[in-house]
Structures are given as C-alpha cells and as structure tokens.
Amino acid sequence: MIKARFGNTLIIVTPGVRPEGTAKDDQVRVVTPAKAIMTGANHIVVGRPIIGAPNPGLAAANILREIANVG
C-alpha cells in the first residue's frame, strides 16, 4: 500500500522478521524474511533469530538465501 502511493521515494524497513520455525519471542506480529521482501520491504530487521542461534553465521546465511530466492 505504501509503495503504491509513494513509489520508491520511501525506504521500507520491516522489524519483527523471523525465519519459519523460529520463536516469536515477545513479537506480536511476525513475518518471514521472504514474505517481508515480497510485500515491499527494502530492509529487514532480524535480531534474536541470528544472535540466539547456535551458529549465527549459518542463520544469517540461511536468511540471505531465503531472500535471494524471492522473485
């Protein structure tokens, strides 16, 4: 909706991004990385699913791979 009105003049940052199968923690509304990008996010905010993972580098790489497969 925002991009339809403003085009690419705004940058959309989506917080509360959680890969499928990870805990929501205290987030009420969550979205997967792919869904965030598909719905118009330019940037996503992913914190605890990466820093709390046993292998943070692998967790981040998996998120980047998911985003790369969008579109």
N, C-alpha and C. Protein backbone atom coordinates (compact mmCIF):
# COMPACT_ATOMS: atom_id res chain seq x y z
N MET A 1 0.81 -1.19 0.00
CA MET A 1 0.00 0.00 0.00
C MET A 1 0.86 1.26 0.00
N ILE A 2 1.92 1.26 0.77
CA ILE A 2 2.77 2.45 0.85
C ILE A 2 3.47 2.69 -0.48
N LYS A 3 4.02 1.63 -1.08
CA LYS A 3 4.73 1.80 -2.35
C LYS A 3 3.78 2.19 -3.47
N ALA A 4 2.53 1.74 -3.39
CA ALA A 4 1.56 2.13 -4.40
C ALA A 4 1.32 3.64 -4.35
N ARG A 5 1.37 4.19 -3.16
CA ARG A 5 1.13 5.63 -3.01
C ARG A 5 2.38 6.47 -3.25
N PHE A 6 3.53 6.00 -2.74
CA PHE A 6 4.74 6.81 -2.79
C PHE A 6 5.81 6.30 -3.74
N GLY A 7 5.60 5.15 -4.35
CA GLY A 7 6.61 4.59 -5.25
C GLY A 7 7.87 4.24 -4.48
N ASN A 8 9.00 4.48 -5.08
CA ASN A 8 10.27 4.15 -4.45
C ASN A 8 10.90 5.34 -3.72
N THR A 9 10.10 6.37 -3.40
CA THR A 9 10.65 7.52 -2.70
C THR A 9 10.87 7.24 -1.22
N LEU A 10 10.21 6.22 -0.68
CA LEU A 10 10.39 5.84 0.72
C LEU A 10 11.13 4.52 0.80
N ILE A 11 11.91 4.36 1.83
CA ILE A 11 12.57 3.09 2.11
C ILE A 11 11.77 2.42 3.22
N ILE A 12 11.38 1.18 2.98
CA ILE A 12 10.57 0.45 3.96
C ILE A 12 11.46 -0.51 4.73
N VAL A 13 11.46 -0.34 6.06
CA VAL A 13 12.21 -1.20 6.97
C VAL A 13 11.19 -2.00 7.77
N THR A 14 11.32 -3.33 7.73
CA THR A 14 10.36 -4.20 8.40
C THR A 14 11.01 -4.88 9.60
N PRO A 15 10.56 -4.55 10.81
CA PRO A 15 11.06 -5.22 12.01
C PRO A 15 10.26 -6.48 12.31
N GLY A 16 10.70 -7.25 13.27
CA GLY A 16 9.94 -8.43 13.69
C GLY A 16 10.02 -9.57 12.70
N VAL A 17 11.10 -9.64 11.95
CA VAL A 17 11.25 -10.70 10.96
C VAL A 17 11.79 -11.95 11.63
N ARG A 18 11.12 -13.06 11.39
CA ARG A 18 11.51 -14.33 11.98
C ARG A 18 11.47 -15.41 10.90
N PRO A 19 12.55 -16.14 10.71
CA PRO A 19 12.51 -17.27 9.77
C PRO A 19 11.47 -18.29 10.22
N GLU A 20 10.92 -19.01 9.29
CA GLU A 20 9.93 -20.06 9.59
C GLU A 20 10.50 -21.01 10.62
N GLY A 21 9.71 -21.32 11.65
CA GLY A 21 10.12 -22.28 12.66
C GLY A 21 10.88 -21.71 13.84
N THR A 22 11.14 -20.40 13.85
CA THR A 22 11.82 -19.81 15.00
C THR A 22 10.80 -19.18 15.94
N ALA A 23 11.20 -19.01 17.19
CA ALA A 23 10.30 -18.48 18.21
C ALA A 23 9.92 -17.02 17.92
N LYS A 24 8.69 -16.68 18.28
CA LYS A 24 8.23 -15.30 18.13
C LYS A 24 8.78 -14.41 19.24
N ASP A 25 9.23 -15.01 20.32
CA ASP A 25 9.68 -14.26 21.49
C ASP A 25 8.59 -13.28 21.91
N ASP A 26 8.89 -12.00 22.08
CA ASP A 26 7.88 -11.04 22.52
C ASP A 26 7.22 -10.31 21.36
N GLN A 27 7.51 -10.72 20.14
CA GLN A 27 6.93 -10.07 18.97
C GLN A 27 5.48 -10.54 18.79
N VAL A 28 4.58 -9.61 18.58
CA VAL A 28 3.18 -9.95 18.38
C VAL A 28 2.93 -10.28 16.91
N ARG A 29 3.44 -9.43 16.03
CA ARG A 29 3.27 -9.65 14.60
C ARG A 29 4.64 -9.98 14.01
N VAL A 30 4.73 -11.11 13.38
CA VAL A 30 5.99 -11.51 12.76
C VAL A 30 5.75 -11.86 11.30
N VAL A 31 6.82 -11.82 10.54
CA VAL A 31 6.77 -12.16 9.13
C VAL A 31 8.08 -12.84 8.78
N THR A 32 8.04 -13.75 7.81
CA THR A 32 9.27 -14.41 7.38
C THR A 32 10.07 -13.45 6.51
N PRO A 33 11.37 -13.69 6.38
CA PRO A 33 12.18 -12.82 5.51
C PRO A 33 11.63 -12.74 4.08
N ALA A 34 11.27 -13.87 3.52
CA ALA A 34 10.75 -13.88 2.14
C ALA A 34 9.46 -13.08 2.03
N LYS A 35 8.56 -13.27 2.98
CA LYS A 35 7.28 -12.55 2.95
C LYS A 35 7.50 -11.04 3.08
N ALA A 36 8.43 -10.64 3.94
CA ALA A 36 8.72 -9.21 4.11
C ALA A 36 9.19 -8.60 2.79
N ILE A 37 10.09 -9.29 2.10
CA ILE A 37 10.60 -8.78 0.83
C ILE A 37 9.50 -8.80 -0.23
N MET A 38 8.73 -9.88 -0.27
CA MET A 38 7.64 -9.98 -1.27
C MET A 38 6.60 -8.89 -1.10
N THR A 39 6.41 -8.42 0.13
CA THR A 39 5.39 -7.40 0.37
C THR A 39 5.95 -5.99 0.37
N GLY A 40 7.22 -5.84 -0.07
CA GLY A 40 7.73 -4.50 -0.31
C GLY A 40 8.83 -3.97 0.57
N ALA A 41 9.31 -4.76 1.53
CA ALA A 41 10.38 -4.27 2.40
C ALA A 41 11.67 -4.09 1.61
N ASN A 42 12.34 -2.97 1.86
CA ASN A 42 13.67 -2.75 1.31
C ASN A 42 14.74 -3.32 2.22
N HIS A 43 14.46 -3.26 3.53
CA HIS A 43 15.39 -3.77 4.54
C HIS A 43 14.57 -4.51 5.58
N ILE A 44 15.18 -5.54 6.19
CA ILE A 44 14.51 -6.27 7.26
C ILE A 44 15.37 -6.22 8.52
N VAL A 45 14.70 -6.33 9.66
CA VAL A 45 15.39 -6.32 10.95
C VAL A 45 15.23 -7.72 11.55
N VAL A 46 16.35 -8.41 11.68
CA VAL A 46 16.37 -9.75 12.26
C VAL A 46 17.43 -9.73 13.35
N GLY A 47 17.01 -9.90 14.58
CA GLY A 47 17.97 -9.86 15.68
C GLY A 47 18.14 -11.21 16.34
N ARG A 48 17.24 -11.51 17.27
CA ARG A 48 17.38 -12.72 18.09
C ARG A 48 17.48 -14.02 17.31
N PRO A 49 16.78 -14.18 16.18
CA PRO A 49 16.96 -15.44 15.45
C PRO A 49 18.39 -15.65 14.95
N ILE A 50 19.14 -14.57 14.83
CA ILE A 50 20.54 -14.71 14.41
C ILE A 50 21.44 -14.79 15.64
N ILE A 51 21.35 -13.81 16.54
CA ILE A 51 22.29 -13.80 17.67
C ILE A 51 22.03 -14.93 18.66
N GLY A 52 20.81 -15.45 18.69
CA GLY A 52 20.48 -16.55 19.59
C GLY A 52 20.68 -17.92 18.98
N ALA A 53 21.06 -17.97 17.71
CA ALA A 53 21.26 -19.26 17.03
C ALA A 53 22.57 -19.90 17.47
N PRO A 54 22.62 -21.22 17.47
CA PRO A 54 23.88 -21.90 17.79
C PRO A 54 25.01 -21.51 16.83
N ASN A 55 24.64 -21.23 15.59
CA ASN A 55 25.62 -20.81 14.58
C ASN A 55 25.07 -19.55 13.90
N PRO A 56 25.35 -18.37 14.45
CA PRO A 56 24.79 -17.13 13.90
C PRO A 56 25.14 -16.90 12.43
N GLY A 57 26.33 -17.26 12.03
CA GLY A 57 26.72 -17.09 10.63
C GLY A 57 25.85 -17.92 9.70
N LEU A 58 25.58 -19.14 10.09
CA LEU A 58 24.72 -20.01 9.29
C LEU A 58 23.29 -19.49 9.27
N ALA A 59 22.82 -19.02 10.43
CA ALA A 59 21.45 -18.47 10.49
C ALA A 59 21.32 -17.28 9.54
N ALA A 60 22.29 -16.39 9.54
CA ALA A 60 22.26 -15.23 8.65
C ALA A 60 22.35 -15.67 7.19
N ALA A 61 23.20 -16.63 6.90
CA ALA A 61 23.34 -17.13 5.53
C ALA A 61 22.04 -17.74 5.04
N ASN A 62 21.34 -18.47 5.92
CA ASN A 62 20.06 -19.06 5.52
C ASN A 62 19.02 -17.99 5.22
N ILE A 63 19.02 -16.91 5.98
CA ILE A 63 18.10 -15.81 5.73
C ILE A 63 18.42 -15.15 4.39
N LEU A 64 19.69 -14.92 4.14
CA LEU A 64 20.10 -14.32 2.86
C LEU A 64 19.72 -15.23 1.69
N ARG A 65 19.86 -16.53 1.86
CA ARG A 65 19.49 -17.48 0.82
C ARG A 65 17.98 -17.42 0.56
N GLU A 66 17.20 -17.34 1.64
CA GLU A 66 15.74 -17.25 1.50
C GLU A 66 15.36 -15.99 0.72
N ILE A 67 15.99 -14.88 1.05
CA ILE A 67 15.69 -13.61 0.36
C ILE A 67 16.10 -13.69 -1.11
N ALA A 68 17.23 -14.32 -1.38
CA ALA A 68 17.72 -14.42 -2.76
C ALA A 68 16.76 -15.23 -3.63
N ASN A 69 16.01 -16.13 -3.04
CA ASN A 69 15.08 -16.96 -3.80
C ASN A 69 13.74 -16.28 -4.05
N VAL A 70 13.55 -15.08 -3.54
CA VAL A 70 12.29 -14.35 -3.76
C VAL A 70 12.30 -13.75 -5.16
N GLY A 71 11.19 -13.91 -5.82
CA GLY A 71 11.06 -13.29 -7.13
C GLY A 71 11.51 -14.16 -8.18
